Amino acid sequence: GKPTENVIVRNNVVYRAHGGFVIGSEMSGGARN
């Protein structure tokens, strides 16, 4: 029951990857803010 919360992601570069910015799929505790 511990969400990932209160996160700032800025001024980043992502090259080859399955996703640039991703939430999941293991997100059963939630994510917010």
PDB file of all heavy atoms in Angstrom:
ATOM      1  N   GLY A   1       0.778  -1.229   0.000  1.00  0.00           N
ATOM      2  CA  GLY A   1       0.000   0.000   0.000  1.00  0.00           C
ATOM      3  C   GLY A   1       0.809   1.277   0.000  1.00  0.00           C
ATOM      4  O   GLY A   1       0.409   2.280   0.580  1.00  0.00           O
ATOM      5  N   LYS A   2       1.939   1.266  -0.688  1.00  0.00           N
ATOM      6  CA  LYS A   2       2.798   2.446  -0.741  1.00  0.00           C
ATOM      7  C   LYS A   2       2.862   2.974  -2.171  1.00  0.00           C
ATOM      8  O   LYS A   2       3.548   2.410  -3.031  1.00  0.00           O
ATOM      9  CB  LYS A   2       4.211   2.098  -0.259  1.00  0.00           C
ATOM     10  CG  LYS A   2       4.308   1.706   1.196  1.00  0.00           C
ATOM     11  CD  LYS A   2       4.130   2.907   2.104  1.00  0.00           C
ATOM     12  CE  LYS A   2       4.374   2.523   3.558  1.00  0.00           C
ATOM     13  NZ  LYS A   2       4.184   3.681   4.463  1.00  0.00           N
ATOM     14  N   PRO A   3       2.158   4.061  -2.466  1.00  0.00           N
ATOM     15  CA  PRO A   3       2.232   4.620  -3.817  1.00  0.00           C
ATOM     16  C   PRO A   3       3.575   5.301  -4.054  1.00  0.00           C
ATOM     17  O   PRO A   3       4.279   5.679  -3.098  1.00  0.00           O
ATOM     18  CB  PRO A   3       1.102   5.649  -3.825  1.00  0.00           C
ATOM     19  CG  PRO A   3       1.003   6.095  -2.396  1.00  0.00           C
ATOM     20  CD  PRO A   3       1.307   4.869  -1.573  1.00  0.00           C
ATOM     21  N   THR A   4       3.928   5.446  -5.307  1.00  0.00           N
ATOM     22  CA  THR A   4       4.990   6.385  -5.656  1.00  0.00           C
ATOM     23  C   THR A   4       4.331   7.738  -5.842  1.00  0.00           C
ATOM     24  O   THR A   4       3.401   7.878  -6.634  1.00  0.00           O
ATOM     25  CB  THR A   4       5.725   5.952  -6.922  1.00  0.00           C
ATOM     26  OG1 THR A   4       6.453   4.749  -6.640  1.00  0.00           O
ATOM     27  CG2 THR A   4       6.706   7.009  -7.389  1.00  0.00           C
ATOM     28  N   GLU A   5       4.798   8.731  -5.102  1.00  0.00           N
ATOM     29  CA  GLU A   5       4.098  10.008  -5.098  1.00  0.00           C
ATOM     30  C   GLU A   5       5.068  11.174  -4.946  1.00  0.00           C
ATOM     31  O   GLU A   5       6.174  11.033  -4.456  1.00  0.00           O
ATOM     32  CB  GLU A   5       3.057  10.041  -3.980  1.00  0.00           C
ATOM     33  CG  GLU A   5       3.608   9.860  -2.578  1.00  0.00           C
ATOM     34  CD  GLU A   5       2.511   9.808  -1.522  1.00  0.00           C
ATOM     35  OE1 GLU A   5       1.463  10.449  -1.722  1.00  0.00           O
ATOM     36  OE2 GLU A   5       2.711   9.137  -0.496  1.00  0.00           O
ATOM     37  N   ASN A   6       4.581  12.329  -5.412  1.00  0.00           N
ATOM     38  CA  ASN A   6       5.324  13.586  -5.280  1.00  0.00           C
ATOM     39  C   ASN A   6       6.651  13.500  -6.043  1.00  0.00           C
ATOM     40  O   ASN A   6       7.732  13.563  -5.457  1.00  0.00           O
ATOM     41  CB  ASN A   6       5.560  13.937  -3.807  1.00  0.00           C
ATOM     42  CG  ASN A   6       4.300  13.893  -2.975  1.00  0.00           C
ATOM     43  OD1 ASN A   6       3.196  13.952  -3.513  1.00  0.00           O
ATOM     44  ND2 ASN A   6       4.452  13.787  -1.674  1.00  0.00           N
ATOM     45  N   VAL A   7       6.546  13.354  -7.355  1.00  0.00           N
ATOM     46  CA  VAL A   7       7.703  13.110  -8.213  1.00  0.00           C
ATOM     47  C   VAL A   7       7.820  14.215  -9.260  1.00  0.00           C
ATOM     48  O   VAL A   7       6.830  14.607  -9.878  1.00  0.00           O
ATOM     49  CB  VAL A   7       7.582  11.743  -8.916  1.00  0.00           C
ATOM     50  CG1 VAL A   7       8.769  11.495  -9.841  1.00  0.00           C
ATOM     51  CG2 VAL A   7       7.454  10.614  -7.890  1.00  0.00           C
ATOM     52  N   ILE A   8       9.040  14.696  -9.464  1.00  0.00           N
ATOM     53  CA  ILE A   8       9.347  15.665 -10.521  1.00  0.00           C
ATOM     54  C   ILE A   8      10.334  15.017 -11.488  1.00  0.00           C
ATOM     55  O   ILE A   8      11.388  14.528 -11.067  1.00  0.00           O
ATOM     56  CB  ILE A   8       9.958  16.954  -9.945  1.00  0.00           C
ATOM     57  CG1 ILE A   8       9.040  17.573  -8.885  1.00  0.00           C
ATOM     58  CG2 ILE A   8      10.246  17.956 -11.053  1.00  0.00           C
ATOM     59  CD1 ILE A   8       9.724  18.637  -8.045  1.00  0.00           C
ATOM     60  N   VAL A   9       9.989  14.993 -12.777  1.00  0.00           N
ATOM     61  CA  VAL A   9      10.871  14.463 -13.820  1.00  0.00           C
ATOM     62  C   VAL A   9      11.024  15.556 -14.858  1.00  0.00           C
ATOM     63  O   VAL A   9      10.060  15.919 -15.533  1.00  0.00           O
ATOM     64  CB  VAL A   9      10.262  13.188 -14.450  1.00  0.00           C
ATOM     65  CG1 VAL A   9      11.145  12.677 -15.576  1.00  0.00           C
ATOM     66  CG2 VAL A   9      10.045  12.109 -13.399  1.00  0.00           C
ATOM     67  N   ARG A  10      12.220  16.117 -14.997  1.00  0.00           N
ATOM     68  CA  ARG A  10      12.359  17.264 -15.899  1.00  0.00           C
ATOM     69  C   ARG A  10      13.745  17.304 -16.562  1.00  0.00           C
ATOM     70  O   ARG A  10      14.749  16.853 -16.024  1.00  0.00           O
ATOM     71  CB  ARG A  10      12.103  18.570 -15.147  1.00  0.00           C
ATOM     72  CG  ARG A  10      13.099  18.894 -14.050  1.00  0.00           C
ATOM     73  CD  ARG A  10      12.621  20.062 -13.207  1.00  0.00           C
ATOM     74  NE  ARG A  10      13.577  20.392 -12.144  1.00  0.00           N
ATOM     75  CZ  ARG A  10      13.260  21.057 -11.036  1.00  0.00           C
ATOM     76  NH1 ARG A  10      12.003  21.481 -10.840  1.00  0.00           N
ATOM     77  NH2 ARG A  10      14.181  21.314 -10.123  1.00  0.00           N
ATOM     78  N   ASN A  11      13.748  17.853 -17.771  1.00  0.00           N
ATOM     79  CA  ASN A  11      14.991  18.089 -18.517  1.00  0.00           C
ATOM     80  C   ASN A  11      15.808  16.818 -18.712  1.00  0.00           C
ATOM     81  O   ASN A  11      17.030  16.810 -18.554  1.00  0.00           O
ATOM     82  CB  ASN A  11      15.846  19.162 -17.813  1.00  0.00           C
ATOM     83  CG  ASN A  11      15.149  20.498 -17.746  1.00  0.00           C
ATOM     84  OD1 ASN A  11      14.591  20.963 -18.728  1.00  0.00           O
ATOM     85  ND2 ASN A  11      15.149  21.108 -16.568  1.00  0.00           N
ATOM     86  N   ASN A  12      15.123  15.727 -19.068  1.00  0.00           N
ATOM     87  CA  ASN A  12      15.812  14.467 -19.330  1.00  0.00           C
ATOM     88  C   ASN A  12      15.706  14.098 -20.804  1.00  0.00           C
ATOM     89  O   ASN A  12      14.792  14.540 -21.506  1.00  0.00           O
ATOM     90  CB  ASN A  12      15.197  13.343 -18.484  1.00  0.00           C
ATOM     91  CG  ASN A  12      15.292  13.628 -17.001  1.00  0.00           C
ATOM     92  OD1 ASN A  12      16.378  13.635 -16.426  1.00  0.00           O
ATOM     93  ND2 ASN A  12      14.151  13.868 -16.372  1.00  0.00           N
ATOM     94  N   VAL A  13      16.638  13.258 -21.254  1.00  0.00           N
ATOM     95  CA  VAL A  13      16.627  12.731 -22.616  1.00  0.00           C
ATOM     96  C   VAL A  13      16.625  11.214 -22.529  1.00  0.00           C
ATOM     97  O   VAL A  13      17.411  10.626 -21.784  1.00  0.00           O
ATOM     98  CB  VAL A  13      17.853  13.205 -23.421  1.00  0.00           C
ATOM     99  CG1 VAL A  13      17.858  12.564 -24.811  1.00  0.00           C
ATOM    100  CG2 VAL A  13      17.878  14.723 -23.526  1.00  0.00           C
ATOM    101  N   VAL A  14      15.725  10.591 -23.289  1.00  0.00           N
ATOM    102  CA  VAL A  14      15.694   9.135 -23.379  1.00  0.00           C
ATOM    103  C   VAL A  14      15.862   8.743 -24.838  1.00  0.00           C
ATOM    104  O   VAL A  14      15.105   9.197 -25.699  1.00  0.00           O
ATOM    105  CB  VAL A  14      14.383   8.547 -22.828  1.00  0.00           C
ATOM    106  CG1 VAL A  14      14.410   7.015 -22.923  1.00  0.00           C
ATOM    107  CG2 VAL A  14      14.151   8.989 -21.380  1.00  0.00           C
ATOM    108  N   TYR A  15      16.858   7.897 -25.108  1.00  0.00           N
ATOM    109  CA  TYR A  15      17.066   7.382 -26.462  1.00  0.00           C
ATOM    110  C   TYR A  15      16.338   6.039 -26.584  1.00  0.00           C
ATOM    111  O   TYR A  15      15.194   5.929 -26.165  1.00  0.00           O
ATOM    112  CB  TYR A  15      18.566   7.269 -26.753  1.00  0.00           C
ATOM    113  CG  TYR A  15      19.237   8.608 -26.899  1.00  0.00           C
ATOM    114  CD1 TYR A  15      19.954   9.175 -25.849  1.00  0.00           C
ATOM    115  CD2 TYR A  15      19.135   9.335 -28.086  1.00  0.00           C
ATOM    116  CE1 TYR A  15      20.567  10.413 -25.974  1.00  0.00           C
ATOM    117  CE2 TYR A  15      19.741  10.583 -28.231  1.00  0.00           C
ATOM    118  CZ  TYR A  15      20.463  11.113 -27.172  1.00  0.00           C
ATOM    119  OH  TYR A  15      21.057  12.341 -27.296  1.00  0.00           O
ATOM    120  N   ARG A  16      16.956   5.035 -27.095  1.00  0.00           N
ATOM    121  CA  ARG A  16      16.253   3.766 -27.294  1.00  0.00           C
ATOM    122  C   ARG A  16      15.784   3.206 -25.960  1.00  0.00           C
ATOM    123  O   ARG A  16      16.552   3.055 -25.015  1.00  0.00           O
ATOM    124  CB  ARG A  16      17.151   2.774 -28.013  1.00  0.00           C
ATOM    125  CG  ARG A  16      17.424   3.181 -29.450  1.00  0.00           C
ATOM    126  CD  ARG A  16      18.004   2.049 -30.254  1.00  0.00           C
ATOM    127  NE  ARG A  16      17.033   0.988 -30.478  1.00  0.00           N
ATOM    128  CZ  ARG A  16      17.093   0.153 -31.520  1.00  0.00           C
ATOM    129  NH1 ARG A  16      18.038   0.284 -32.420  1.00  0.00           N
ATOM    130  NH2 ARG A  16      16.193  -0.793 -31.665  1.00  0.00           N
ATOM    131  N   ALA A  17      14.512   2.888 -25.899  1.00  0.00           N
ATOM    132  CA  ALA A  17      13.901   2.317 -24.702  1.00  0.00           C
ATOM    133  C   ALA A  17      12.511   1.844 -25.105  1.00  0.00           C
ATOM    134  O   ALA A  17      11.959   2.291 -26.109  1.00  0.00           O
ATOM    135  CB  ALA A  17      13.820   3.353 -23.586  1.00  0.00           C
ATOM    136  N   HIS A  18      11.917   0.956 -24.311  1.00  0.00           N
ATOM    137  CA  HIS A  18      10.545   0.549 -24.609  1.00  0.00           C
ATOM    138  C   HIS A  18       9.576   1.705 -24.390  1.00  0.00           C
ATOM    139  O   HIS A  18       8.564   1.813 -25.066  1.00  0.00           O
ATOM    140  CB  HIS A  18      10.143  -0.646 -23.734  1.00  0.00           C
ATOM    141  CG  HIS A  18      10.785  -1.928 -24.173  1.00  0.00           C
ATOM    142  ND1 HIS A  18      10.479  -3.140 -23.616  1.00  0.00           N
ATOM    143  CD2 HIS A  18      11.728  -2.183 -25.125  1.00  0.00           C
ATOM    144  CE1 HIS A  18      11.198  -4.096 -24.202  1.00  0.00           C
ATOM    145  NE2 HIS A  18      11.960  -3.534 -25.112  1.00  0.00           N
ATOM    146  N   GLY A  19       9.880   2.547 -23.417  1.00  0.00           N
ATOM    147  CA  GLY A  19       9.079   3.738 -23.173  1.00  0.00           C
ATOM    148  C   GLY A  19       9.965   4.851 -22.662  1.00  0.00           C
ATOM    149  O   GLY A  19      10.939   4.600 -21.937  1.00  0.00           O
ATOM    150  N   GLY A  20       9.649   6.097 -23.044  1.00  0.00           N
ATOM    151  CA  GLY A  20      10.438   7.226 -22.554  1.00  0.00           C
ATOM    152  C   GLY A  20      10.156   7.481 -21.094  1.00  0.00           C
ATOM    153  O   GLY A  20      11.016   7.296 -20.217  1.00  0.00           O
ATOM    154  N   PHE A  21       8.921   7.911 -20.794  1.00  0.00           N
ATOM    155  CA  PHE A  21       8.459   7.998 -19.407  1.00  0.00           C
ATOM    156  C   PHE A  21       7.318   7.015 -19.255  1.00  0.00           C
ATOM    157  O   PHE A  21       6.372   7.012 -20.060  1.00  0.00           O
ATOM    158  CB  PHE A  21       7.995   9.409 -19.049  1.00  0.00           C
ATOM    159  CG  PHE A  21       7.399   9.468 -17.661  1.00  0.00           C
ATOM    160  CD1 PHE A  21       8.214   9.482 -16.557  1.00  0.00           C
ATOM    161  CD2 PHE A  21       6.018   9.451 -17.478  1.00  0.00           C
ATOM    162  CE1 PHE A  21       7.672   9.494 -15.271  1.00  0.00           C
ATOM    163  CE2 PHE A  21       5.468   9.470 -16.218  1.00  0.00           C
ATOM    164  CZ  PHE A  21       6.303   9.487 -15.098  1.00  0.00           C
ATOM    165  N   VAL A  22       7.375   6.193 -18.194  1.00  0.00           N
ATOM    166  CA  VAL A  22       6.465   5.060 -18.059  1.00  0.00           C
ATOM    167  C   VAL A  22       5.919   4.986 -16.637  1.00  0.00           C
ATOM    168  O   VAL A  22       6.658   5.221 -15.669  1.00  0.00           O
ATOM    169  CB  VAL A  22       7.202   3.734 -18.379  1.00  0.00           C
ATOM    170  CG1 VAL A  22       6.254   2.551 -18.281  1.00  0.00           C
ATOM    171  CG2 VAL A  22       7.855   3.802 -19.755  1.00  0.00           C
ATOM    172  N   ILE A  23       4.647   4.651 -16.504  1.00  0.00           N
ATOM    173  CA  ILE A  23       4.084   4.232 -15.221  1.00  0.00           C
ATOM    174  C   ILE A  23       3.516   2.832 -15.411  1.00  0.00           C
ATOM    175  O   ILE A  23       2.691   2.603 -16.283  1.00  0.00           O
ATOM    176  CB  ILE A  23       2.988   5.183 -14.723  1.00  0.00           C
ATOM    177  CG1 ILE A  23       3.552   6.593 -14.519  1.00  0.00           C
ATOM    178  CG2 ILE A  23       2.390   4.676 -13.416  1.00  0.00           C
ATOM    179  CD1 ILE A  23       2.515   7.613 -14.067  1.00  0.00           C
ATOM    180  N   GLY A  24       3.960   1.871 -14.582  1.00  0.00           N
ATOM    181  CA  GLY A  24       3.468   0.505 -14.624  1.00  0.00           C
ATOM    182  C   GLY A  24       4.496  -0.454 -15.190  1.00  0.00           C
ATOM    183  O   GLY A  24       5.636  -0.085 -15.433  1.00  0.00           O
ATOM    184  N   SER A  25       4.097  -1.712 -15.440  1.00  0.00           N
ATOM    185  CA  SER A  25       2.738  -2.136 -15.158  1.00  0.00           C
ATOM    186  C   SER A  25       2.534  -2.512 -13.688  1.00  0.00           C
ATOM    187  O   SER A  25       1.409  -2.666 -13.222  1.00  0.00           O
ATOM    188  CB  SER A  25       2.383  -3.344 -16.040  1.00  0.00           C
ATOM    189  OG  SER A  25       3.074  -4.512 -15.638  1.00  0.00           O
ATOM    190  N   GLU A  26       3.656  -2.682 -12.944  1.00  0.00           N
ATOM    191  CA  GLU A  26       3.531  -3.014 -11.522  1.00  0.00           C
ATOM    192  C   GLU A  26       3.257  -1.732 -10.744  1.00  0.00           C
ATOM    193  O   GLU A  26       4.184  -1.081 -10.260  1.00  0.00           O
ATOM    194  CB  GLU A  26       4.809  -3.698 -11.010  1.00  0.00           C
ATOM    195  CG  GLU A  26       5.210  -4.945 -11.765  1.00  0.00           C
ATOM    196  CD  GLU A  26       6.101  -4.677 -12.958  1.00  0.00           C
ATOM    197  OE1 GLU A  26       6.620  -3.563 -13.060  1.00  0.00           O
ATOM    198  OE2 GLU A  26       6.266  -5.581 -13.786  1.00  0.00           O
ATOM    199  N   MET A  27       1.967  -1.394 -10.630  1.00  0.00           N
ATOM    200  CA  MET A  27       1.598  -0.137  -9.971  1.00  0.00           C
ATOM    201  C   MET A  27       0.459  -0.372  -8.978  1.00  0.00           C
ATOM    202  O   MET A  27      -0.399   0.471  -8.791  1.00  0.00           O
ATOM    203  CB  MET A  27       1.216   0.922 -11.007  1.00  0.00           C
ATOM    204  CG  MET A  27       0.414   0.433 -12.208  1.00  0.00           C
ATOM    205  SD  MET A  27      -1.212  -0.263 -11.852  1.00  0.00           S
ATOM    206  CE  MET A  27      -2.078   1.186 -11.325  1.00  0.00           C
ATOM    207  N   SER A  28       0.487  -1.537  -8.312  1.00  0.00           N
ATOM    208  CA  SER A  28      -0.637  -1.941  -7.466  1.00  0.00           C
ATOM    209  C   SER A  28      -0.784  -1.083  -6.215  1.00  0.00           C
ATOM    210  O   SER A  28      -1.850  -1.043  -5.606  1.00  0.00           O
ATOM    211  CB  SER A  28      -0.488  -3.410  -7.081  1.00  0.00           C
ATOM    212  OG  SER A  28      -0.434  -4.218  -8.246  1.00  0.00           O
ATOM    213  N   GLY A  29       0.275  -0.410  -5.806  1.00  0.00           N
ATOM    214  CA  GLY A  29       0.191   0.516  -4.678  1.00  0.00           C
ATOM    215  C   GLY A  29      -0.246   1.907  -5.082  1.00  0.00           C
ATOM    216  O   GLY A  29      -0.465   2.767  -4.224  1.00  0.00           O
ATOM    217  N   GLY A  30      -0.347   2.157  -6.389  1.00  0.00           N
ATOM    218  CA  GLY A  30      -0.781   3.460  -6.886  1.00  0.00           C
ATOM    219  C   GLY A  30       0.371   4.389  -7.224  1.00  0.00           C
ATOM    220  O   GLY A  30       1.539   4.143  -6.899  1.00  0.00           O
ATOM    221  N   ALA A  31       0.024   5.471  -7.902  1.00  0.00           N
ATOM    222  CA  ALA A  31       0.985   6.527  -8.239  1.00  0.00           C
ATOM    223  C   ALA A  31       0.212   7.834  -8.342  1.00  0.00           C
ATOM    224  O   ALA A  31      -0.895   7.857  -8.894  1.00  0.00           O
ATOM    225  CB  ALA A  31       1.706   6.221  -9.550  1.00  0.00           C
ATOM    226  N   ARG A  32       0.775   8.924  -7.811  1.00  0.00           N
ATOM    227  CA  ARG A  32       0.042  10.189  -7.825  1.00  0.00           C
ATOM    228  C   ARG A  32       0.998  11.371  -7.653  1.00  0.00           C
ATOM    229  O   ARG A  32       2.121  11.230  -7.203  1.00  0.00           O
ATOM    230  CB  ARG A  32      -1.001  10.194  -6.703  1.00  0.00           C
ATOM    231  CG  ARG A  32      -0.427  10.086  -5.292  1.00  0.00           C
ATOM    232  CD  ARG A  32      -1.508   9.781  -4.281  1.00  0.00           C
ATOM    233  NE  ARG A  32      -0.982   9.697  -2.921  1.00  0.00           N
ATOM    234  CZ  ARG A  32      -1.516   8.954  -1.959  1.00  0.00           C
ATOM    235  NH1 ARG A  32      -2.611   8.239  -2.204  1.00  0.00           N
ATOM    236  NH2 ARG A  32      -0.991   8.914  -0.756  1.00  0.00           N
ATOM    237  N   ASN A  33       0.498  12.511  -8.088  1.00  0.00           N
ATOM    238  CA  ASN A  33       1.245  13.764  -7.950  1.00  0.00           C
ATOM    239  C   ASN A  33       2.609  13.665  -8.637  1.00  0.00           C
ATOM    240  O   ASN A  33       3.666  13.801  -8.011  1.00  0.00           O
ATOM    241  CB  ASN A  33       1.428  14.142  -6.469  1.00  0.00           C
ATOM    242  CG  ASN A  33       0.128  14.288  -5.728  1.00  0.00           C
ATOM    243  OD1 ASN A  33      -0.904  14.598  -6.327  1.00  0.00           O
ATOM    244  ND2 ASN A  33       0.158  14.051  -4.426  1.00  0.00           N
TER     245      ASN A  33
END
